[in-house]
């Protein structure tokens, strides 16, 4: 689940995402996609969800997908208008739907589940799940924070697995990363925070609260 606990205060893009890869069980390929909440500005009309990705093998081509019932945010088709609220948790679920992969979002405050769209991606398995924050604000802009909770996956045999810990990584400064982003754990989950002293080093392992 994804909850924006401290909302941004600038009109810049923030994307808090669950990323997954697709696999047929053989090496190579590497197709993947990401789904989550987006903030494009302080207006409620500037909030969105996304479900899009790219083919593997170095092609970089965008995965084909269905047209969503949600109103489009732009011409790309991956980003759709969705009026999420800071301080409320949203559960994202990626699962097989026929011959495609579907992402849906559930507003846990209301219980309403919304299908985002389907992607035509190869392979019957999801692999390499990651949660991340992509922020296009200045390193000096006011702090924002997102909390991740309830991380889980279902194996091919039907067993539910939950991670006991997460490995932390940050974008390098030479690639445009900010030195004042950090990860932290609280009583509920794991936080990703901008414009705060870095308390957890790159490559560190953070326990997931049970």
N, C-alpha and C. Protein backbone atom coordinates (compact mmCIF):
# COMPACT_ATOMS: atom_id res chain seq x y z
N UNK A 1 0.84 -1.19 0.00
CA UNK A 1 0.00 0.00 0.00
C UNK A 1 0.88 1.24 0.00
N UNK A 2 0.36 2.28 -0.61
CA UNK A 2 1.09 3.54 -0.76
C UNK A 2 0.27 4.65 -0.13
N UNK A 3 0.89 5.40 0.77
CA UNK A 3 0.22 6.53 1.43
C UNK A 3 1.15 7.73 1.41
N UNK A 4 0.69 8.82 0.82
CA UNK A 4 1.47 10.06 0.83
C UNK A 4 1.20 10.73 2.17
N UNK A 5 2.16 10.62 3.08
CA UNK A 5 1.94 11.13 4.44
C UNK A 5 2.28 12.61 4.56
N UNK A 6 3.21 13.10 3.74
CA UNK A 6 3.50 14.53 3.65
C UNK A 6 3.46 14.89 2.17
N UNK A 7 2.44 15.64 1.77
CA UNK A 7 2.25 15.94 0.35
C UNK A 7 3.27 16.98 -0.13
N UNK A 8 3.66 16.90 -1.39
CA UNK A 8 4.51 17.95 -1.96
C UNK A 8 3.79 19.30 -1.92
N UNK A 9 4.59 20.37 -2.02
CA UNK A 9 4.03 21.72 -2.01
C UNK A 9 4.47 22.53 -3.23
N UNK A 10 4.96 21.83 -4.24
CA UNK A 10 5.40 22.51 -5.46
C UNK A 10 4.75 21.82 -6.66
N UNK A 11 4.63 22.58 -7.75
CA UNK A 11 4.01 22.07 -8.97
C UNK A 11 5.05 21.37 -9.84
N UNK A 12 5.53 20.25 -9.33
CA UNK A 12 6.50 19.43 -10.05
C UNK A 12 6.03 17.98 -9.98
N UNK A 13 6.58 17.13 -10.86
CA UNK A 13 6.16 15.73 -10.89
C UNK A 13 6.81 14.92 -9.77
N UNK A 14 5.96 14.20 -9.01
CA UNK A 14 6.38 13.20 -8.04
C UNK A 14 5.68 11.90 -8.44
N UNK A 15 6.42 10.81 -8.50
CA UNK A 15 5.86 9.51 -8.87
C UNK A 15 6.31 8.50 -7.83
N UNK A 16 5.34 7.89 -7.13
CA UNK A 16 5.62 6.86 -6.12
C UNK A 16 5.10 5.55 -6.67
N UNK A 17 6.00 4.61 -6.95
CA UNK A 17 5.61 3.48 -7.79
C UNK A 17 6.03 2.13 -7.24
N UNK A 18 5.23 1.14 -7.59
CA UNK A 18 5.58 -0.28 -7.50
C UNK A 18 6.00 -0.72 -8.89
N UNK A 19 7.23 -1.21 -9.00
CA UNK A 19 7.74 -1.69 -10.29
C UNK A 19 7.86 -3.20 -10.26
N UNK A 20 7.49 -3.85 -11.38
CA UNK A 20 7.62 -5.30 -11.51
C UNK A 20 8.23 -5.63 -12.86
N UNK A 21 8.90 -6.78 -12.90
CA UNK A 21 9.37 -7.31 -14.16
C UNK A 21 8.49 -8.47 -14.60
N UNK A 22 8.57 -8.82 -15.89
CA UNK A 22 7.80 -9.93 -16.44
C UNK A 22 8.77 -11.00 -16.93
N UNK A 23 8.43 -12.28 -16.70
CA UNK A 23 9.36 -13.35 -17.02
C UNK A 23 8.61 -14.58 -17.51
N UNK A 24 9.26 -15.30 -18.44
CA UNK A 24 8.76 -16.62 -18.84
C UNK A 24 9.60 -17.73 -18.23
N UNK A 25 10.45 -17.36 -17.25
CA UNK A 25 11.28 -18.33 -16.57
C UNK A 25 12.64 -18.54 -17.19
N UNK A 26 12.91 -17.90 -18.34
CA UNK A 26 14.21 -18.02 -19.00
C UNK A 26 15.01 -16.73 -18.83
N UNK A 27 16.34 -16.82 -18.87
CA UNK A 27 17.16 -15.59 -18.77
C UNK A 27 16.90 -14.66 -19.95
N UNK A 28 17.16 -13.36 -19.71
CA UNK A 28 17.04 -12.38 -20.78
C UNK A 28 15.69 -11.70 -20.76
N UNK A 29 15.45 -10.89 -21.75
CA UNK A 29 14.19 -10.16 -21.83
C UNK A 29 14.27 -8.88 -21.03
N UNK A 30 13.69 -8.89 -19.84
CA UNK A 30 13.80 -7.74 -18.96
C UNK A 30 12.68 -6.75 -19.07
N UNK A 31 11.56 -7.12 -19.73
CA UNK A 31 10.42 -6.20 -19.80
C UNK A 31 9.93 -5.90 -18.39
N UNK A 32 9.47 -4.68 -18.18
CA UNK A 32 9.01 -4.30 -16.86
C UNK A 32 8.02 -3.15 -16.93
N UNK A 33 7.32 -2.92 -15.81
CA UNK A 33 6.32 -1.86 -15.78
C UNK A 33 6.21 -1.31 -14.37
N UNK A 34 5.55 -0.16 -14.25
CA UNK A 34 5.43 0.51 -12.95
C UNK A 34 4.02 1.07 -12.80
N UNK A 35 3.53 1.01 -11.56
CA UNK A 35 2.20 1.52 -11.26
C UNK A 35 2.25 2.27 -9.93
N UNK A 36 1.45 3.31 -9.79
CA UNK A 36 1.46 4.04 -8.53
C UNK A 36 0.79 5.40 -8.65
N UNK A 37 0.97 6.19 -7.60
CA UNK A 37 0.39 7.52 -7.52
C UNK A 37 1.32 8.56 -8.13
N UNK A 38 0.73 9.57 -8.75
CA UNK A 38 1.50 10.70 -9.27
C UNK A 38 0.90 12.02 -8.79
N UNK A 39 1.82 12.95 -8.51
CA UNK A 39 1.48 14.34 -8.16
C UNK A 39 2.09 15.22 -9.23
N UNK A 40 1.24 16.01 -9.91
CA UNK A 40 1.72 16.92 -10.95
C UNK A 40 1.57 18.38 -10.53
N UNK A 41 0.94 18.63 -9.40
CA UNK A 41 0.74 19.99 -8.95
C UNK A 41 -0.26 20.04 -7.81
N UNK A 42 -0.47 21.22 -7.29
CA UNK A 42 -1.27 21.37 -6.08
C UNK A 42 -2.78 21.24 -6.31
N UNK A 43 -3.23 21.36 -7.54
CA UNK A 43 -4.64 21.15 -7.84
C UNK A 43 -4.99 19.67 -7.75
N UNK A 44 -6.20 19.37 -7.25
CA UNK A 44 -6.63 17.97 -7.20
C UNK A 44 -6.73 17.37 -8.59
N UNK A 45 -6.97 18.19 -9.60
CA UNK A 45 -7.03 17.69 -10.98
C UNK A 45 -5.65 17.29 -11.49
N UNK A 46 -4.62 17.65 -10.77
CA UNK A 46 -3.26 17.32 -11.19
C UNK A 46 -2.75 16.03 -10.54
N UNK A 47 -3.63 15.25 -9.94
CA UNK A 47 -3.24 13.97 -9.34
C UNK A 47 -3.64 12.83 -10.28
N UNK A 48 -2.86 11.75 -10.25
CA UNK A 48 -3.05 10.71 -11.24
C UNK A 48 -2.54 9.37 -10.73
N UNK A 49 -2.89 8.31 -11.49
CA UNK A 49 -2.26 7.00 -11.34
C UNK A 49 -1.63 6.64 -12.67
N UNK A 50 -0.76 5.65 -12.65
CA UNK A 50 -0.02 5.27 -13.85
C UNK A 50 0.12 3.75 -13.90
N UNK A 51 0.06 3.19 -15.11
CA UNK A 51 0.43 1.79 -15.34
C UNK A 51 0.98 1.71 -16.75
N UNK A 52 2.31 1.66 -16.82
CA UNK A 52 2.99 1.63 -18.11
C UNK A 52 4.34 0.98 -17.97
N UNK A 53 4.94 0.61 -19.09
CA UNK A 53 6.25 -0.04 -19.03
C UNK A 53 6.91 -0.14 -20.39
N UNK A 54 8.00 -0.90 -20.42
CA UNK A 54 8.85 -0.97 -21.60
C UNK A 54 9.25 -2.41 -21.90
N UNK A 55 9.40 -2.70 -23.19
CA UNK A 55 9.86 -4.01 -23.61
C UNK A 55 11.32 -4.20 -23.21
N UNK A 56 11.72 -5.46 -23.06
CA UNK A 56 13.11 -5.78 -22.72
C UNK A 56 13.97 -5.93 -23.96
N UNK A 57 15.18 -6.45 -23.72
CA UNK A 57 16.08 -6.71 -24.83
C UNK A 57 16.72 -5.48 -25.42
N UNK A 58 16.65 -4.34 -24.69
CA UNK A 58 17.30 -3.14 -25.16
C UNK A 58 16.51 -2.34 -26.19
N UNK A 59 15.28 -2.77 -26.52
CA UNK A 59 14.52 -2.04 -27.54
C UNK A 59 13.99 -0.71 -27.02
N UNK A 60 13.61 -0.68 -25.73
CA UNK A 60 13.06 0.54 -25.15
C UNK A 60 11.67 0.88 -25.62
N UNK A 61 11.03 -0.01 -26.38
CA UNK A 61 9.69 0.28 -26.86
C UNK A 61 8.67 0.21 -25.72
N UNK A 62 7.69 1.11 -25.78
CA UNK A 62 6.64 1.16 -24.76
C UNK A 62 5.71 -0.03 -24.95
N UNK A 63 5.36 -0.68 -23.83
CA UNK A 63 4.42 -1.79 -23.89
C UNK A 63 3.04 -1.32 -24.33
N UNK A 64 2.39 -2.11 -25.16
CA UNK A 64 1.03 -1.78 -25.59
C UNK A 64 0.06 -2.05 -24.44
N UNK A 65 -1.00 -1.26 -24.38
CA UNK A 65 -1.99 -1.44 -23.33
C UNK A 65 -3.38 -1.05 -23.78
N UNK A 66 -4.35 -1.39 -22.96
CA UNK A 66 -5.73 -1.06 -23.27
C UNK A 66 -6.03 0.40 -22.91
N UNK A 67 -7.11 0.89 -23.44
CA UNK A 67 -7.59 2.22 -23.08
C UNK A 67 -8.32 2.13 -21.75
N UNK A 68 -7.99 3.00 -20.83
CA UNK A 68 -8.56 2.97 -19.49
C UNK A 68 -9.92 3.64 -19.45
N UNK A 69 -10.75 3.21 -18.49
CA UNK A 69 -12.01 3.91 -18.23
C UNK A 69 -11.77 5.22 -17.50
N UNK A 70 -10.59 5.37 -16.89
CA UNK A 70 -10.25 6.63 -16.23
C UNK A 70 -9.91 7.68 -17.29
N UNK A 71 -10.18 8.95 -17.00
CA UNK A 71 -9.86 9.98 -17.99
C UNK A 71 -8.36 10.13 -18.17
N UNK A 72 -7.90 10.31 -19.39
CA UNK A 72 -6.45 10.43 -19.63
C UNK A 72 -5.90 11.73 -19.05
N UNK A 73 -4.67 11.63 -18.52
CA UNK A 73 -4.00 12.83 -18.03
C UNK A 73 -3.22 13.51 -19.15
N UNK A 74 -2.69 12.69 -20.07
CA UNK A 74 -1.95 13.22 -21.22
C UNK A 74 -2.21 12.30 -22.40
N UNK A 75 -1.45 12.48 -23.47
CA UNK A 75 -1.67 11.71 -24.69
C UNK A 75 -1.00 10.35 -24.68
N UNK A 76 -0.21 10.05 -23.66
CA UNK A 76 0.54 8.80 -23.65
C UNK A 76 -0.28 7.57 -23.34
N UNK A 77 -1.39 7.72 -22.60
CA UNK A 77 -2.23 6.57 -22.27
C UNK A 77 -1.85 5.86 -21.00
N UNK A 78 -0.62 6.08 -20.49
CA UNK A 78 -0.18 5.40 -19.27
C UNK A 78 -0.64 6.13 -18.01
N UNK A 79 -0.80 7.43 -18.07
CA UNK A 79 -1.11 8.25 -16.91
C UNK A 79 -2.57 8.69 -16.99
N UNK A 80 -3.32 8.39 -15.92
CA UNK A 80 -4.76 8.63 -15.90
C UNK A 80 -5.14 9.48 -14.69
N UNK A 81 -6.13 10.33 -14.85
CA UNK A 81 -6.57 11.18 -13.74
C UNK A 81 -7.23 10.32 -12.65
N UNK A 82 -6.82 10.58 -11.41
CA UNK A 82 -7.36 9.83 -10.26
C UNK A 82 -7.18 10.71 -9.04
N UNK A 83 -8.28 11.07 -8.39
CA UNK A 83 -8.22 12.06 -7.30
C UNK A 83 -7.93 11.40 -5.96
N UNK A 84 -6.70 10.97 -5.81
CA UNK A 84 -6.28 10.41 -4.53
C UNK A 84 -6.05 11.55 -3.54
N UNK A 85 -6.04 11.19 -2.24
CA UNK A 85 -5.89 12.18 -1.19
C UNK A 85 -4.67 11.88 -0.31
N UNK A 86 -3.86 12.88 0.01
CA UNK A 86 -2.79 12.68 0.99
C UNK A 86 -3.38 12.21 2.32
N UNK A 87 -2.63 11.35 3.00
CA UNK A 87 -3.07 10.83 4.29
C UNK A 87 -3.97 9.62 4.21
N UNK A 88 -4.31 9.18 2.99
CA UNK A 88 -5.12 7.97 2.81
C UNK A 88 -4.28 6.90 2.11
N UNK A 89 -4.40 5.63 2.54
CA UNK A 89 -3.63 4.56 1.90
C UNK A 89 -4.34 4.02 0.66
N UNK A 90 -3.54 3.66 -0.33
CA UNK A 90 -4.04 3.08 -1.58
C UNK A 90 -3.29 1.78 -1.86
N UNK A 91 -4.05 0.72 -2.10
CA UNK A 91 -3.44 -0.58 -2.37
C UNK A 91 -3.37 -0.80 -3.88
N UNK A 92 -2.17 -1.07 -4.39
CA UNK A 92 -1.97 -1.38 -5.80
C UNK A 92 -1.76 -2.88 -5.94
N UNK A 93 -2.44 -3.46 -6.92
CA UNK A 93 -2.35 -4.90 -7.17
C UNK A 93 -2.11 -5.12 -8.66
N UNK A 94 -1.08 -5.92 -8.98
CA UNK A 94 -0.78 -6.29 -10.35
C UNK A 94 -1.04 -7.78 -10.49
N UNK A 95 -1.84 -8.17 -11.48
CA UNK A 95 -2.21 -9.58 -11.60
C UNK A 95 -2.54 -9.90 -13.06
N UNK A 96 -2.54 -11.21 -13.34
CA UNK A 96 -2.84 -11.69 -14.68
C UNK A 96 -4.33 -11.55 -14.95
N UNK A 97 -4.68 -10.99 -16.12
CA UNK A 97 -6.06 -10.83 -16.53
C UNK A 97 -6.17 -11.30 -17.98
N UNK A 98 -6.55 -12.55 -18.17
CA UNK A 98 -6.56 -13.12 -19.51
C UNK A 98 -5.15 -13.25 -20.04
N UNK A 99 -4.88 -12.63 -21.20
CA UNK A 99 -3.53 -12.69 -21.77
C UNK A 99 -2.74 -11.41 -21.50
N UNK A 100 -3.20 -10.61 -20.53
CA UNK A 100 -2.53 -9.34 -20.22
C UNK A 100 -2.27 -9.25 -18.72
N UNK A 101 -1.59 -8.16 -18.34
CA UNK A 101 -1.32 -7.89 -16.93
C UNK A 101 -2.07 -6.62 -16.53
N UNK A 102 -2.86 -6.72 -15.48
CA UNK A 102 -3.70 -5.60 -15.04
C UNK A 102 -3.16 -5.01 -13.74
N UNK A 103 -3.27 -3.69 -13.62
CA UNK A 103 -3.04 -3.01 -12.34
C UNK A 103 -4.35 -2.40 -11.90
N UNK A 104 -4.65 -2.55 -10.62
CA UNK A 104 -5.82 -1.91 -10.04
C UNK A 104 -5.42 -1.22 -8.75
N UNK A 105 -6.20 -0.21 -8.38
CA UNK A 105 -5.93 0.55 -7.16
C UNK A 105 -7.19 0.54 -6.31
N UNK A 106 -7.02 0.31 -5.00
CA UNK A 106 -8.12 0.33 -4.06
C UNK A 106 -7.92 1.47 -3.07
N UNK A 107 -8.90 2.34 -2.99
CA UNK A 107 -8.92 3.40 -1.99
C UNK A 107 -9.38 2.76 -0.68
N UNK A 108 -8.48 2.59 0.27
CA UNK A 108 -8.83 1.88 1.50
C UNK A 108 -9.71 2.71 2.42
N UNK A 109 -9.83 4.01 2.17
CA UNK A 109 -10.74 4.84 2.96
C UNK A 109 -12.19 4.59 2.57
N UNK A 110 -12.43 4.29 1.29
CA UNK A 110 -13.79 4.07 0.80
C UNK A 110 -14.07 2.62 0.43
N UNK A 111 -12.99 1.82 0.23
CA UNK A 111 -13.15 0.45 -0.22
C UNK A 111 -13.36 0.31 -1.71
N UNK A 112 -13.32 1.40 -2.46
CA UNK A 112 -13.57 1.35 -3.90
C UNK A 112 -12.32 0.91 -4.66
N UNK A 113 -12.48 -0.11 -5.51
CA UNK A 113 -11.39 -0.60 -6.35
C UNK A 113 -11.60 -0.13 -7.78
N UNK A 114 -10.54 0.37 -8.39
CA UNK A 114 -10.58 0.90 -9.75
C UNK A 114 -9.54 0.20 -10.60
N UNK A 115 -9.95 -0.43 -11.70
CA UNK A 115 -9.00 -0.98 -12.65
C UNK A 115 -8.33 0.15 -13.42
N UNK A 116 -7.00 0.14 -13.46
CA UNK A 116 -6.29 1.21 -14.16
C UNK A 116 -6.27 0.93 -15.66
N UNK A 117 -5.66 -0.18 -16.07
CA UNK A 117 -5.66 -0.63 -17.46
C UNK A 117 -4.93 -1.95 -17.52
N UNK A 118 -4.90 -2.57 -18.71
CA UNK A 118 -4.17 -3.82 -18.93
C UNK A 118 -2.97 -3.54 -19.84
N UNK A 119 -1.86 -4.21 -19.56
CA UNK A 119 -0.67 -4.13 -20.41
C UNK A 119 -0.42 -5.48 -21.06
N UNK A 120 -0.03 -5.45 -22.32
CA UNK A 120 0.33 -6.67 -23.04
C UNK A 120 1.83 -6.87 -22.87
N UNK A 121 2.18 -7.69 -21.89
CA UNK A 121 3.58 -7.92 -21.55
C UNK A 121 3.88 -9.41 -21.60
N UNK A 122 5.10 -9.80 -21.95
CA UNK A 122 5.42 -11.21 -22.11
C UNK A 122 5.60 -11.92 -20.76
N UNK A 123 5.35 -13.23 -20.77
CA UNK A 123 5.66 -14.05 -19.62
C UNK A 123 4.51 -14.22 -18.65
N UNK A 124 4.43 -15.40 -18.00
CA UNK A 124 3.36 -15.68 -17.04
C UNK A 124 3.73 -15.34 -15.60
N UNK A 125 4.94 -14.80 -15.38
CA UNK A 125 5.39 -14.56 -14.01
C UNK A 125 5.79 -13.09 -13.80
N UNK A 126 5.56 -12.60 -12.57
CA UNK A 126 6.09 -11.33 -12.13
C UNK A 126 7.37 -11.57 -11.35
N UNK A 127 8.37 -10.73 -11.55
CA UNK A 127 9.66 -10.88 -10.86
C UNK A 127 10.18 -9.52 -10.44
N UNK A 128 11.15 -9.52 -9.54
CA UNK A 128 11.93 -8.35 -9.16
C UNK A 128 11.09 -7.14 -8.76
N UNK A 129 10.19 -7.29 -7.78
CA UNK A 129 9.41 -6.12 -7.36
C UNK A 129 10.27 -5.09 -6.64
N UNK A 130 10.00 -3.82 -6.91
CA UNK A 130 10.72 -2.69 -6.31
C UNK A 130 9.71 -1.59 -6.04
N UNK A 131 9.88 -0.85 -4.95
CA UNK A 131 9.10 0.37 -4.76
C UNK A 131 10.07 1.56 -4.76
N UNK A 132 9.66 2.64 -5.43
CA UNK A 132 10.57 3.78 -5.55
C UNK A 132 9.81 5.09 -5.62
N UNK A 133 10.58 6.17 -5.40
CA UNK A 133 10.08 7.53 -5.57
C UNK A 133 10.90 8.19 -6.68
N UNK A 134 10.21 8.75 -7.66
CA UNK A 134 10.86 9.52 -8.72
C UNK A 134 10.40 10.96 -8.58
N UNK A 135 11.33 11.86 -8.31
CA UNK A 135 10.98 13.23 -7.94
C UNK A 135 11.71 14.20 -8.87
N UNK A 136 10.96 15.10 -9.48
CA UNK A 136 11.54 16.08 -10.39
C UNK A 136 11.60 17.47 -9.75
N UNK A 137 11.44 17.53 -8.44
CA UNK A 137 11.56 18.79 -7.71
C UNK A 137 13.03 19.09 -7.42
N UNK A 138 13.29 20.31 -6.98
CA UNK A 138 14.61 20.69 -6.54
C UNK A 138 14.94 19.99 -5.21
N UNK A 139 16.21 19.74 -4.99
CA UNK A 139 16.63 19.16 -3.71
C UNK A 139 16.28 20.07 -2.53
N UNK A 140 16.09 21.37 -2.80
CA UNK A 140 15.79 22.34 -1.76
C UNK A 140 14.29 22.53 -1.52
N UNK A 141 13.46 21.93 -2.36
CA UNK A 141 12.01 22.11 -2.20
C UNK A 141 11.53 21.45 -0.92
N UNK A 142 10.38 21.90 -0.37
CA UNK A 142 9.90 21.37 0.91
C UNK A 142 9.81 19.84 0.93
N UNK A 143 10.06 19.28 2.09
CA UNK A 143 10.09 17.83 2.25
C UNK A 143 8.73 17.20 1.96
N UNK A 144 8.75 16.04 1.32
CA UNK A 144 7.57 15.22 1.09
C UNK A 144 7.92 13.79 1.49
N UNK A 145 6.89 13.01 1.84
CA UNK A 145 7.15 11.65 2.31
C UNK A 145 6.02 10.72 1.91
N UNK A 146 6.40 9.50 1.55
CA UNK A 146 5.44 8.45 1.23
C UNK A 146 5.76 7.24 2.10
N UNK A 147 4.70 6.53 2.51
CA UNK A 147 4.88 5.32 3.32
C UNK A 147 4.39 4.10 2.55
N UNK A 148 5.22 3.04 2.55
CA UNK A 148 4.86 1.76 1.94
C UNK A 148 4.56 0.75 3.04
N UNK A 149 3.41 0.08 2.92
CA UNK A 149 3.01 -0.95 3.89
C UNK A 149 2.38 -2.12 3.15
N UNK A 150 2.24 -3.24 3.86
CA UNK A 150 1.50 -4.38 3.32
C UNK A 150 2.09 -4.97 2.06
N UNK A 151 3.41 -4.95 1.90
CA UNK A 151 4.04 -5.50 0.70
C UNK A 151 3.92 -7.02 0.71
N UNK A 152 3.40 -7.59 -0.37
CA UNK A 152 3.26 -9.04 -0.44
C UNK A 152 3.13 -9.49 -1.88
N UNK A 153 3.42 -10.77 -2.10
CA UNK A 153 3.29 -11.38 -3.43
C UNK A 153 2.75 -12.79 -3.26
N UNK A 154 2.16 -13.31 -4.32
CA UNK A 154 1.64 -14.68 -4.34
C UNK A 154 2.49 -15.48 -5.31
N UNK A 155 3.05 -16.60 -4.85
CA UNK A 155 3.90 -17.44 -5.68
C UNK A 155 3.07 -18.26 -6.66
N UNK A 156 3.77 -18.94 -7.59
CA UNK A 156 3.08 -19.77 -8.58
C UNK A 156 2.31 -20.91 -7.92
N UNK A 157 2.74 -21.32 -6.73
CA UNK A 157 2.04 -22.39 -6.00
C UNK A 157 0.89 -21.87 -5.16
N UNK A 158 0.71 -20.55 -5.12
CA UNK A 158 -0.41 -19.98 -4.38
C UNK A 158 -0.07 -19.50 -2.98
N UNK A 159 1.20 -19.60 -2.57
CA UNK A 159 1.60 -19.16 -1.23
C UNK A 159 1.80 -17.64 -1.22
N UNK A 160 1.40 -17.00 -0.13
CA UNK A 160 1.62 -15.56 0.04
C UNK A 160 2.93 -15.34 0.78
N UNK A 161 3.78 -14.49 0.22
CA UNK A 161 5.07 -14.19 0.84
C UNK A 161 5.15 -12.69 1.11
N UNK A 162 5.78 -12.34 2.23
CA UNK A 162 5.94 -10.94 2.63
C UNK A 162 7.41 -10.71 2.97
N UNK A 163 8.01 -9.64 2.44
CA UNK A 163 9.43 -9.40 2.71
C UNK A 163 9.67 -9.04 4.17
N UNK A 164 10.75 -9.59 4.73
CA UNK A 164 11.15 -9.23 6.09
C UNK A 164 11.99 -7.97 6.12
N UNK A 165 12.65 -7.66 5.00
CA UNK A 165 13.48 -6.46 4.93
C UNK A 165 13.59 -5.99 3.48
N UNK A 166 14.07 -4.77 3.33
CA UNK A 166 14.24 -4.15 2.02
C UNK A 166 15.65 -3.59 1.90
N UNK A 167 16.22 -3.68 0.70
CA UNK A 167 17.53 -3.10 0.43
C UNK A 167 17.35 -1.70 -0.15
N UNK A 168 18.08 -0.75 0.39
CA UNK A 168 17.92 0.67 0.04
C UNK A 168 18.88 1.05 -1.08
N UNK A 169 18.38 1.84 -2.02
CA UNK A 169 19.27 2.42 -3.04
C UNK A 169 18.82 3.84 -3.35
N UNK A 170 19.79 4.67 -3.74
CA UNK A 170 19.53 6.06 -4.11
C UNK A 170 20.17 6.34 -5.46
N UNK A 171 19.59 7.26 -6.21
CA UNK A 171 20.21 7.70 -7.45
C UNK A 171 21.48 8.48 -7.13
N UNK A 172 22.54 8.21 -7.85
CA UNK A 172 23.81 8.88 -7.62
C UNK A 172 23.71 10.36 -7.98
N UNK A 173 24.50 11.18 -7.29
CA UNK A 173 24.50 12.62 -7.55
C UNK A 173 24.88 12.93 -8.99
N UNK A 174 25.81 12.15 -9.57
CA UNK A 174 26.24 12.40 -10.95
C UNK A 174 25.11 12.16 -11.95
N UNK A 175 24.08 11.40 -11.52
CA UNK A 175 22.93 11.13 -12.38
C UNK A 175 21.74 12.02 -12.04
N UNK A 176 21.94 13.00 -11.17
CA UNK A 176 20.89 13.93 -10.82
C UNK A 176 20.21 13.67 -9.50
N UNK A 177 20.69 12.69 -8.73
CA UNK A 177 20.10 12.38 -7.45
C UNK A 177 20.42 13.43 -6.39
N UNK A 178 19.53 13.57 -5.42
CA UNK A 178 19.74 14.52 -4.31
C UNK A 178 20.42 13.81 -3.15
N UNK A 179 21.38 14.48 -2.48
CA UNK A 179 22.04 13.86 -1.34
C UNK A 179 21.20 13.90 -0.07
N UNK A 180 20.07 14.62 -0.10
CA UNK A 180 19.26 14.79 1.10
C UNK A 180 17.91 14.07 0.97
N UNK A 181 17.93 12.87 0.39
CA UNK A 181 16.78 11.97 0.45
C UNK A 181 17.14 10.82 1.37
N UNK A 182 16.13 10.23 2.02
CA UNK A 182 16.42 9.14 2.95
C UNK A 182 15.26 8.16 3.00
N UNK A 183 15.56 7.00 3.53
CA UNK A 183 14.57 5.96 3.83
C UNK A 183 14.55 5.80 5.34
N UNK A 184 13.38 5.53 5.89
CA UNK A 184 13.25 5.30 7.33
C UNK A 184 12.08 4.36 7.57
N UNK A 185 12.11 3.66 8.67
CA UNK A 185 11.00 2.79 9.06
C UNK A 185 10.31 3.40 10.28
N UNK A 186 8.98 3.36 10.29
CA UNK A 186 8.23 3.75 11.48
C UNK A 186 7.42 2.55 11.95
N UNK A 187 6.47 2.76 12.84
CA UNK A 187 5.71 1.65 13.40
C UNK A 187 4.82 0.96 12.37
N UNK A 188 4.52 1.65 11.26
CA UNK A 188 3.58 1.11 10.28
C UNK A 188 4.24 0.55 9.03
N UNK A 189 5.32 1.17 8.59
CA UNK A 189 5.92 0.74 7.34
C UNK A 189 7.24 1.41 7.08
N UNK A 190 7.58 1.52 5.79
CA UNK A 190 8.86 2.08 5.36
C UNK A 190 8.58 3.37 4.60
N UNK A 191 9.30 4.43 4.98
CA UNK A 191 9.11 5.76 4.42
C UNK A 191 10.22 6.10 3.43
N UNK A 192 9.84 6.82 2.37
CA UNK A 192 10.79 7.45 1.46
C UNK A 192 10.56 8.96 1.58
N UNK A 193 11.63 9.70 1.91
CA UNK A 193 11.48 11.10 2.31
C UNK A 193 12.46 11.98 1.52
N UNK A 194 11.98 13.13 1.06
CA UNK A 194 12.85 14.10 0.39
C UNK A 194 13.24 15.21 1.36
N UNK A 195 14.34 15.88 1.03
CA UNK A 195 14.85 17.04 1.78
C UNK A 195 14.90 16.79 3.28
N UNK A 196 15.59 15.72 3.64
CA UNK A 196 15.87 15.38 5.03
C UNK A 196 17.28 14.80 5.11
N UNK A 197 17.90 14.93 6.25
CA UNK A 197 19.22 14.32 6.45
C UNK A 197 19.15 12.83 6.13
N UNK A 198 20.15 12.35 5.38
CA UNK A 198 20.18 10.93 5.03
C UNK A 198 20.58 10.10 6.24
N UNK A 199 19.64 9.30 6.72
CA UNK A 199 19.85 8.49 7.92
C UNK A 199 20.19 7.05 7.61
N UNK A 200 19.90 6.60 6.39
CA UNK A 200 20.14 5.22 5.99
C UNK A 200 20.99 5.23 4.73
N UNK A 201 22.09 4.52 4.75
CA UNK A 201 23.06 4.57 3.65
C UNK A 201 22.60 3.74 2.46
N UNK A 202 23.15 4.10 1.29
CA UNK A 202 22.95 3.31 0.08
C UNK A 202 23.43 1.87 0.33
N UNK A 203 22.62 0.90 -0.03
CA UNK A 203 22.98 -0.50 0.16
C UNK A 203 22.61 -1.09 1.51
N UNK A 204 22.12 -0.25 2.42
CA UNK A 204 21.73 -0.75 3.74
C UNK A 204 20.44 -1.58 3.62
N UNK A 205 20.22 -2.40 4.64
CA UNK A 205 19.01 -3.23 4.70
C UNK A 205 18.13 -2.72 5.83
N UNK A 206 16.85 -2.46 5.52
CA UNK A 206 15.90 -1.93 6.49
C UNK A 206 14.85 -3.00 6.78
N UNK A 207 14.62 -3.29 8.05
CA UNK A 207 13.60 -4.27 8.42
C UNK A 207 12.21 -3.71 8.16
N UNK A 208 11.33 -4.54 7.65
CA UNK A 208 9.95 -4.14 7.42
C UNK A 208 9.16 -4.40 8.68
N UNK A 209 8.50 -3.39 9.26
CA UNK A 209 7.71 -3.62 10.47
C UNK A 209 6.67 -4.71 10.25
N UNK A 210 6.54 -5.61 11.21
CA UNK A 210 5.58 -6.72 11.08
C UNK A 210 4.18 -6.24 11.40
